[in-house]
Amino acid sequence: MALLGHRADAGASPASAGSAESSEPTGSPGARSPASPAKNRGPSRLPGLALAALGVVAAWAVHLLLPAVPVLTAAVVLGIAAAHLPGVRGLVRGAARPGLTLAGKRLMRLGIVLLGLELSLGDVLGLGWTTVAMVLCVVAATFAGTVWLGRRLGLRGDQPVLVATGYSICGASAIGAVGDVRGSEEEDVATSVALVTLCGTLAIAVLPVLQAPLGLDADEFGRWVGAGVHDVGQVVATAQTAGPTALGQAVLVKLLRVMMLAPLVAATALALRQRRRTPAGAKRPPLVPLFVVGFLALVALRTTGWLPNAAVDGAGWLREVLLAAALFGLGSAVHLPTLARTGGRVAALGLCSWIVVAGASYGGVLITT
């Protein structure tokens, strides 16, 4: 639209422009340029949102055909593929980019808010204080160790912090939340999401094979998976291989890790407020972002027990759709040639962090059993 207005302006001669100005009184409605509304409007986000919707449908189809592949994992992979497929690549980097960026940020926030309905304080505290302490130690050790190692490896920007957040809390959702607060570059967020998603997907195949050699019963295996695997969908896919008991324990422990998201985001915001000087009169960023407040509010609502199961199930389905669209958008921002230039260091960070979280979780399970 703006391009059409520009061409119209360029085609008009100075004389005709002058006659138009003289024929309209100053300040009259007719003096407004007909192209100005189009100029004020930003690029359309509809192509990108439509492409993200197609990505969600495709991810769901992959999950139905291959149930072991979670919807969110498929969404990230499809987003990366779309960004590099001839014929689609130009759309992803051009007309669809505004909508895909919107999906990666705004829809991610909405999905994180709805994630609060998965948590009930009663269920989580029912695990016992020893398990709560174990999860806190695993989260702290994984986060600190990953950030330290990422800095030592020389990874750029916010990548060490974002990868540490994804491994220690809840995968892509946590990366999106912390990246939003820190104002991280889209490429850093996308690369971190791709790495954490890849390692979480590998866990679906690797951890069940290790259950017998490590001597873990169903209850212990479930807690190990819940404390050591990144994304909720990946936790479910991994733990269900050992039966319903393992699955129940894994989900509860995982949701306890999810609860760490709010204090981590608040701590990140506080650190940024103290580090960055805000000019006089400028608005300071909120200590607790609005979407985190919404997350906590829905945790409290679920804890009351007022919501019927049908409402919780419906919200869970909507959350999956929103997060799948957001992860497709983030995946589409991954540029493989750029990633390849630091691929060795990124892969080393992912592998080492995976060993840290798996080892700390395994030790924690043995101590608390």
Protein backbone atom coordinates (compact mmCIF):
# COMPACT_ATOMS: atom_id res chain seq x y z
CA MET A 1 0.00 0.00 0.00
CA ALA A 2 2.78 2.43 0.91
CA LEU A 3 4.54 1.50 -2.31
CA LEU A 4 1.47 2.42 -4.34
CA GLY A 5 1.22 5.73 -2.56
CA HIS A 6 4.90 6.39 -3.24
CA ARG A 7 4.46 5.72 -6.93
CA ALA A 8 1.47 8.01 -7.10
CA ASP A 9 3.43 10.79 -5.44
CA ALA A 10 6.40 10.21 -7.71
CA GLY A 11 4.21 10.34 -10.77
CA ALA A 12 2.61 13.68 -9.86
CA SER A 13 4.29 16.77 -11.34
CA PRO A 14 5.25 19.73 -9.18
CA ALA A 15 2.69 21.83 -10.97
CA SER A 16 -0.16 19.48 -10.28
CA ALA A 17 0.98 19.20 -6.67
CA GLY A 18 0.98 22.95 -6.36
CA SER A 19 -2.48 23.29 -7.91
CA ALA A 20 -3.83 20.70 -5.54
CA GLU A 21 -2.44 22.61 -2.58
CA SER A 22 -3.84 25.92 -3.82
CA SER A 23 -7.29 24.46 -4.44
CA GLU A 24 -7.67 23.28 -0.85
CA PRO A 25 -7.82 25.64 2.12
CA THR A 26 -5.20 25.16 4.78
CA GLY A 27 -6.39 22.80 7.49
CA SER A 28 -9.34 21.46 5.47
CA PRO A 29 -9.95 17.68 5.39
CA GLY A 30 -9.16 17.58 1.69
CA ALA A 31 -5.62 18.84 2.31
CA ARG A 32 -4.64 15.45 3.82
CA SER A 33 -2.65 13.27 1.44
CA PRO A 34 -4.60 10.15 0.49
CA ALA A 35 -1.40 8.12 0.78
CA SER A 36 -0.66 9.10 4.39
CA PRO A 37 -2.83 6.40 6.05
CA ALA A 38 -0.99 3.74 4.07
CA LYS A 39 2.34 5.27 5.03
CA ASN A 40 1.40 5.23 8.71
CA ARG A 41 0.41 1.58 8.59
CA GLY A 42 3.26 -0.87 9.09
CA PRO A 43 3.83 -3.95 6.95
CA SER A 44 1.01 -6.47 7.06
CA ARG A 45 1.41 -9.28 9.56
CA LEU A 46 -1.26 -11.47 7.98
CA PRO A 47 1.07 -13.40 5.62
CA GLY A 48 3.34 -14.39 8.49
CA LEU A 49 0.47 -15.33 10.80
CA ALA A 50 -1.12 -17.39 8.02
CA LEU A 51 2.18 -19.17 7.41
CA ALA A 52 2.53 -19.84 11.17
CA ALA A 53 -0.99 -21.31 11.18
CA LEU A 54 -0.04 -23.64 8.33
CA GLY A 55 3.06 -24.58 10.31
CA VAL A 56 0.90 -25.52 13.30
CA VAL A 57 -1.32 -27.72 11.14
CA ALA A 58 1.73 -29.41 9.63
CA ALA A 59 3.30 -29.94 13.07
CA TRP A 60 0.12 -31.55 14.33
CA ALA A 61 0.04 -33.81 11.28
CA VAL A 62 3.62 -34.90 11.98
CA HIS A 63 2.69 -35.65 15.59
CA LEU A 64 -0.31 -37.75 14.51
CA LEU A 65 1.85 -39.73 12.09
CA LEU A 66 4.75 -40.03 14.57
CA PRO A 67 3.31 -39.81 18.11
CA ALA A 68 6.80 -39.93 19.65
CA VAL A 69 7.52 -36.50 18.11
CA PRO A 70 5.90 -33.72 20.21
CA VAL A 71 3.98 -31.02 18.38
CA LEU A 72 6.29 -28.25 19.62
CA THR A 73 9.40 -30.09 18.47
CA ALA A 74 7.88 -30.58 15.02
CA ALA A 75 6.94 -26.89 14.88
CA VAL A 76 10.52 -25.75 15.47
CA VAL A 77 11.93 -28.14 12.88
CA LEU A 78 9.32 -27.13 10.29
CA GLY A 79 10.06 -23.45 10.94
CA ILE A 80 13.76 -24.03 10.31
CA ALA A 81 12.94 -26.00 7.16
CA ALA A 82 10.62 -23.27 5.85
CA ALA A 83 13.38 -20.68 6.24
CA HIS A 84 15.65 -22.65 3.90
CA LEU A 85 13.29 -24.17 1.33
CA PRO A 86 13.52 -22.63 -2.15
CA GLY A 87 10.27 -20.90 -2.97
CA VAL A 88 9.33 -20.42 0.69
CA ARG A 89 12.59 -18.87 1.85
CA GLY A 90 11.87 -15.55 0.14
CA LEU A 91 8.44 -15.34 1.75
CA VAL A 92 9.81 -16.15 5.21
CA ARG A 93 12.49 -13.48 4.98
CA GLY A 94 10.26 -10.94 3.25
CA ALA A 95 6.51 -10.45 3.44
CA ALA A 96 5.95 -13.05 6.16
CA ARG A 97 8.70 -11.84 8.51
CA PRO A 98 6.62 -9.28 10.49
CA GLY A 99 3.89 -11.81 11.23
CA LEU A 100 6.36 -14.56 12.12
CA THR A 101 8.18 -12.22 14.49
CA LEU A 102 4.85 -11.29 16.07
CA ALA A 103 4.06 -14.98 16.54
CA GLY A 104 7.45 -15.63 18.12
CA LYS A 105 6.94 -12.90 20.70
CA ARG A 106 3.28 -12.16 21.39
CA LEU A 107 1.88 -15.66 20.92
CA MET A 108 4.71 -17.02 23.03
CA ARG A 109 3.66 -14.73 25.88
CA LEU A 110 0.04 -15.87 25.66
CA GLY A 111 1.15 -19.50 25.65
CA ILE A 112 3.27 -18.94 28.75
CA VAL A 113 0.31 -17.35 30.53
CA LEU A 114 -1.86 -20.39 29.78
CA LEU A 115 0.93 -22.67 30.99
CA GLY A 116 -0.02 -21.49 34.48
CA LEU A 117 -3.19 -23.58 34.31
CA GLU A 118 -1.05 -26.72 34.26
CA LEU A 119 0.20 -25.96 37.78
CA SER A 120 -1.50 -26.59 41.08
CA LEU A 121 0.47 -25.69 44.19
CA GLY A 122 -1.10 -28.58 46.09
CA ASP A 123 0.07 -31.18 43.58
CA VAL A 124 3.57 -29.79 43.38
CA LEU A 125 4.06 -29.48 47.15
CA GLY A 126 2.74 -33.02 47.48
CA LEU A 127 6.05 -34.19 46.07
CA GLY A 128 7.69 -33.38 49.41
CA TRP A 129 10.29 -30.87 50.45
CA THR A 130 13.21 -33.14 49.61
CA THR A 131 12.11 -33.28 45.97
CA VAL A 132 11.52 -29.52 45.93
CA ALA A 133 15.04 -28.96 47.28
CA MET A 134 16.46 -31.40 44.70
CA VAL A 135 14.79 -29.57 41.82
CA LEU A 136 16.01 -26.19 43.07
CA CYS A 137 19.58 -27.49 43.22
CA VAL A 138 19.34 -29.00 39.73
CA VAL A 139 17.98 -25.75 38.29
CA ALA A 140 20.67 -23.64 39.99
CA ALA A 141 23.54 -25.96 39.00
CA THR A 142 22.38 -26.25 35.39
CA PHE A 143 21.82 -22.51 34.95
CA ALA A 144 25.09 -21.41 36.53
CA GLY A 145 27.16 -24.12 34.86
CA THR A 146 25.73 -23.46 31.40
CA VAL A 147 26.21 -19.68 31.59
CA TRP A 148 29.81 -20.12 32.77
CA LEU A 149 30.62 -22.63 30.05
CA GLY A 150 28.94 -20.53 27.34
CA ARG A 151 31.05 -17.52 28.28
CA ARG A 152 34.20 -19.65 28.28
CA LEU A 153 33.34 -20.93 24.80
CA GLY A 154 32.97 -17.35 23.57
CA LEU A 155 29.35 -17.56 22.44
CA ARG A 156 27.96 -14.23 21.39
CA GLY A 157 25.19 -12.07 22.82
CA ASP A 158 22.58 -13.59 25.09
CA GLN A 159 23.05 -17.16 23.86
CA PRO A 160 24.70 -18.51 27.06
CA VAL A 161 21.92 -17.11 29.28
CA LEU A 162 19.16 -18.23 26.94
CA VAL A 163 20.51 -21.77 26.56
CA ALA A 164 20.97 -21.99 30.33
CA THR A 165 17.38 -20.88 30.85
CA GLY A 166 16.03 -23.44 28.40
CA TYR A 167 17.96 -26.35 29.91
CA SER A 168 17.28 -25.47 33.54
CA ILE A 169 13.60 -24.45 33.40
CA CYS A 170 11.28 -25.46 30.59
CA GLY A 171 12.87 -25.35 27.17
CA ALA A 172 11.61 -22.99 24.49
CA SER A 173 8.94 -21.34 26.67
CA ALA A 174 11.54 -20.20 29.20
CA ILE A 175 13.88 -19.01 26.45
CA GLY A 176 11.08 -16.93 24.97
CA ALA A 177 10.19 -15.41 28.33
CA VAL A 178 13.74 -14.45 29.33
CA GLY A 179 14.60 -13.33 25.79
CA ASP A 180 11.58 -11.03 25.83
CA VAL A 181 12.63 -9.41 29.11
CA ARG A 182 16.26 -9.02 28.04
CA GLY A 183 15.34 -7.71 24.60
CA SER A 184 17.48 -10.43 23.01
CA GLU A 185 18.08 -10.53 19.28
CA GLU A 186 15.68 -12.79 17.42
CA GLU A 187 18.56 -14.81 15.99
CA ASP A 188 19.97 -15.53 19.47
CA VAL A 189 16.56 -16.66 20.69
CA ALA A 190 15.97 -18.80 17.62
CA THR A 191 19.39 -20.49 17.82
CA SER A 192 18.94 -21.25 21.51
CA VAL A 193 15.49 -22.70 20.90
CA ALA A 194 16.83 -24.88 18.09
CA LEU A 195 19.65 -26.24 20.26
CA VAL A 196 17.49 -26.98 23.30
CA THR A 197 14.80 -28.56 21.14
CA LEU A 198 17.31 -30.81 19.40
CA CYS A 199 18.81 -32.06 22.68
CA GLY A 200 15.39 -32.55 24.24
CA THR A 201 14.34 -34.59 21.22
CA LEU A 202 17.44 -36.77 21.54
CA ALA A 203 16.50 -37.38 25.19
CA ILE A 204 13.29 -39.10 24.03
CA ALA A 205 15.42 -41.80 22.42
CA VAL A 206 18.41 -41.92 24.81
CA LEU A 207 17.00 -41.80 28.36
CA PRO A 208 14.66 -44.83 28.11
CA VAL A 209 17.65 -46.92 26.98
CA LEU A 210 19.55 -45.88 30.13
CA GLN A 211 16.80 -46.79 32.61
CA ALA A 212 17.80 -50.43 33.08
CA PRO A 213 21.61 -49.91 33.14
CA LEU A 214 21.19 -47.18 35.78
CA GLY A 215 18.91 -49.39 37.87
CA LEU A 216 15.99 -46.98 38.05
CA ASP A 217 12.47 -48.18 38.82
CA ALA A 218 9.45 -46.47 37.25
CA ASP A 219 9.08 -43.90 40.04
CA GLU A 220 12.78 -42.95 39.98
CA PHE A 221 12.91 -42.85 36.20
CA GLY A 222 9.92 -40.50 36.10
CA ARG A 223 11.55 -38.09 38.53
CA TRP A 224 14.81 -38.21 36.62
CA VAL A 225 13.05 -37.39 33.35
CA GLY A 226 11.01 -34.61 34.95
CA ALA A 227 14.12 -33.01 36.45
CA GLY A 228 16.37 -33.44 33.42
CA VAL A 229 14.36 -33.06 30.19
CA HIS A 230 13.60 -29.58 28.91
CA ASP A 231 10.16 -29.22 27.32
CA VAL A 232 6.89 -30.51 28.82
CA GLY A 233 5.99 -32.38 25.64
CA GLN A 234 9.41 -34.03 25.55
CA VAL A 235 9.03 -35.04 29.20
CA VAL A 236 5.73 -36.74 28.42
CA ALA A 237 7.13 -38.50 25.35
CA THR A 238 10.15 -39.78 27.32
CA ALA A 239 8.46 -40.80 30.58
CA GLN A 240 5.50 -42.61 29.04
CA THR A 241 7.87 -45.35 27.86
CA ALA A 242 8.10 -46.55 31.50
CA GLY A 243 4.36 -46.54 32.20
CA PRO A 244 1.76 -44.33 33.93
CA THR A 245 3.57 -44.20 37.29
CA ALA A 246 6.71 -42.81 35.70
CA LEU A 247 4.65 -40.39 33.61
CA GLY A 248 2.81 -39.01 36.64
CA GLN A 249 6.01 -38.44 38.61
CA ALA A 250 7.74 -36.88 35.59
CA VAL A 251 4.97 -34.37 34.94
CA LEU A 252 4.80 -33.26 38.58
CA VAL A 253 8.56 -32.76 38.85
CA LYS A 254 8.60 -30.97 35.51
CA LEU A 255 5.83 -28.61 36.60
CA LEU A 256 7.83 -27.82 39.71
CA ARG A 257 10.65 -26.69 37.40
CA VAL A 258 8.14 -24.62 35.43
CA MET A 259 7.30 -22.76 38.66
CA MET A 260 10.88 -21.48 38.67
CA LEU A 261 10.11 -19.48 35.52
CA ALA A 262 8.44 -16.56 37.30
CA PRO A 263 11.22 -15.88 39.85
CA LEU A 264 13.88 -16.28 37.15
CA VAL A 265 12.19 -13.73 34.88
CA ALA A 266 11.71 -11.35 37.81
CA ALA A 267 15.39 -11.70 38.78
CA THR A 268 16.42 -11.06 35.17
CA ALA A 269 14.30 -7.91 35.01
CA LEU A 270 15.69 -6.68 38.34
CA ALA A 271 19.28 -7.25 37.22
CA LEU A 272 18.66 -5.31 34.00
CA ARG A 273 17.06 -2.41 35.88
CA GLN A 274 20.10 -2.12 38.11
CA ARG A 275 22.61 -2.51 35.27
CA ARG A 276 21.06 -0.10 32.78
CA ARG A 277 20.67 3.55 33.64
CA THR A 278 17.27 4.85 32.64
CA PRO A 279 17.26 8.48 31.39
CA ALA A 280 15.33 10.96 33.51
CA GLY A 281 11.65 10.90 32.66
CA ALA A 282 11.91 7.65 30.70
CA LYS A 283 9.67 4.74 31.59
CA ARG A 284 11.52 1.94 33.39
CA PRO A 285 10.79 -1.67 32.40
CA PRO A 286 8.46 -3.48 34.83
CA LEU A 287 10.08 -5.61 37.52
CA VAL A 288 7.63 -8.42 36.75
CA PRO A 289 6.38 -8.44 33.14
CA LEU A 290 2.64 -8.56 32.61
CA PHE A 291 2.67 -12.02 31.07
CA VAL A 292 4.42 -13.40 34.17
CA VAL A 293 1.72 -11.80 36.34
CA GLY A 294 -0.86 -13.55 34.18
CA PHE A 295 1.02 -16.84 34.54
CA LEU A 296 0.99 -16.54 38.35
CA ALA A 297 -2.67 -15.54 38.37
CA LEU A 298 -3.64 -18.67 36.45
CA VAL A 299 -1.53 -20.82 38.78
CA ALA A 300 -3.52 -19.38 41.67
CA LEU A 301 -6.79 -19.96 39.80
CA ARG A 302 -5.93 -23.60 39.10
CA THR A 303 -4.95 -24.09 42.75
CA THR A 304 -8.44 -23.06 43.89
CA GLY A 305 -9.95 -26.05 42.08
CA TRP A 306 -12.78 -23.93 40.71
CA LEU A 307 -12.04 -24.65 37.05
CA PRO A 308 -13.74 -27.70 35.51
CA ASN A 309 -11.53 -30.24 33.79
CA ALA A 310 -13.05 -29.37 30.41
CA ALA A 311 -11.86 -25.75 30.76
CA VAL A 312 -8.36 -26.85 31.74
CA ASP A 313 -8.21 -29.27 28.81
CA GLY A 314 -9.43 -26.60 26.38
CA ALA A 315 -6.87 -24.12 27.67
CA GLY A 316 -4.19 -26.78 27.29
CA TRP A 317 -5.11 -27.30 23.66
CA LEU A 318 -5.07 -23.55 23.01
CA ARG A 319 -1.70 -23.23 24.76
CA GLU A 320 -0.26 -25.95 22.52
CA VAL A 321 -1.51 -24.13 19.42
CA LEU A 322 -0.10 -20.77 20.52
CA LEU A 323 3.28 -22.19 21.49
CA ALA A 324 3.49 -24.21 18.27
CA ALA A 325 2.85 -21.05 16.22
CA ALA A 326 5.43 -19.15 18.30
CA LEU A 327 8.05 -21.86 17.89
CA PHE A 328 7.42 -22.09 14.16
CA GLY A 329 8.05 -18.34 14.00
CA LEU A 330 11.24 -18.65 16.05
CA GLY A 331 12.42 -21.62 14.01
CA SER A 332 11.98 -19.61 10.82
CA ALA A 333 14.50 -17.07 12.16
CA VAL A 334 17.28 -19.67 12.35
CA HIS A 335 19.90 -19.09 9.66
CA LEU A 336 21.84 -22.33 9.27
CA PRO A 337 24.93 -20.81 7.57
CA THR A 338 25.32 -18.39 10.49
CA LEU A 339 24.69 -21.19 12.97
CA ALA A 340 27.31 -23.33 11.24
CA ARG A 341 29.98 -20.72 11.91
CA THR A 342 29.58 -21.24 15.66
CA GLY A 343 28.10 -24.72 15.37
CA GLY A 344 30.97 -26.47 17.12
CA ARG A 345 30.86 -24.21 20.15
CA VAL A 346 27.06 -24.25 20.32
CA ALA A 347 26.99 -28.05 20.05
CA ALA A 348 29.65 -28.34 22.75
CA LEU A 349 27.63 -26.10 25.06
CA GLY A 350 24.46 -28.12 24.40
CA LEU A 351 26.17 -31.46 25.02
CA CYS A 352 27.93 -30.34 28.19
CA SER A 353 24.82 -28.69 29.58
CA TRP A 354 22.84 -31.84 28.82
CA ILE A 355 25.39 -33.88 30.78
CA VAL A 356 25.20 -31.42 33.69
CA VAL A 357 21.40 -31.47 33.96
CA ALA A 358 21.15 -35.25 33.47
CA GLY A 359 23.94 -35.94 35.97
CA ALA A 360 22.62 -33.51 38.58
CA SER A 361 19.09 -34.90 38.20
CA TYR A 362 20.29 -38.49 38.51
CA GLY A 363 22.27 -37.67 41.64
CA GLY A 364 19.30 -35.82 43.09
CA VAL A 365 16.97 -38.77 42.47
CA LEU A 366 19.38 -41.17 44.21
CA ILE A 367 19.73 -38.88 47.22
CA THR A 368 15.98 -38.29 47.66
CA THR A 369 14.92 -41.92 47.17
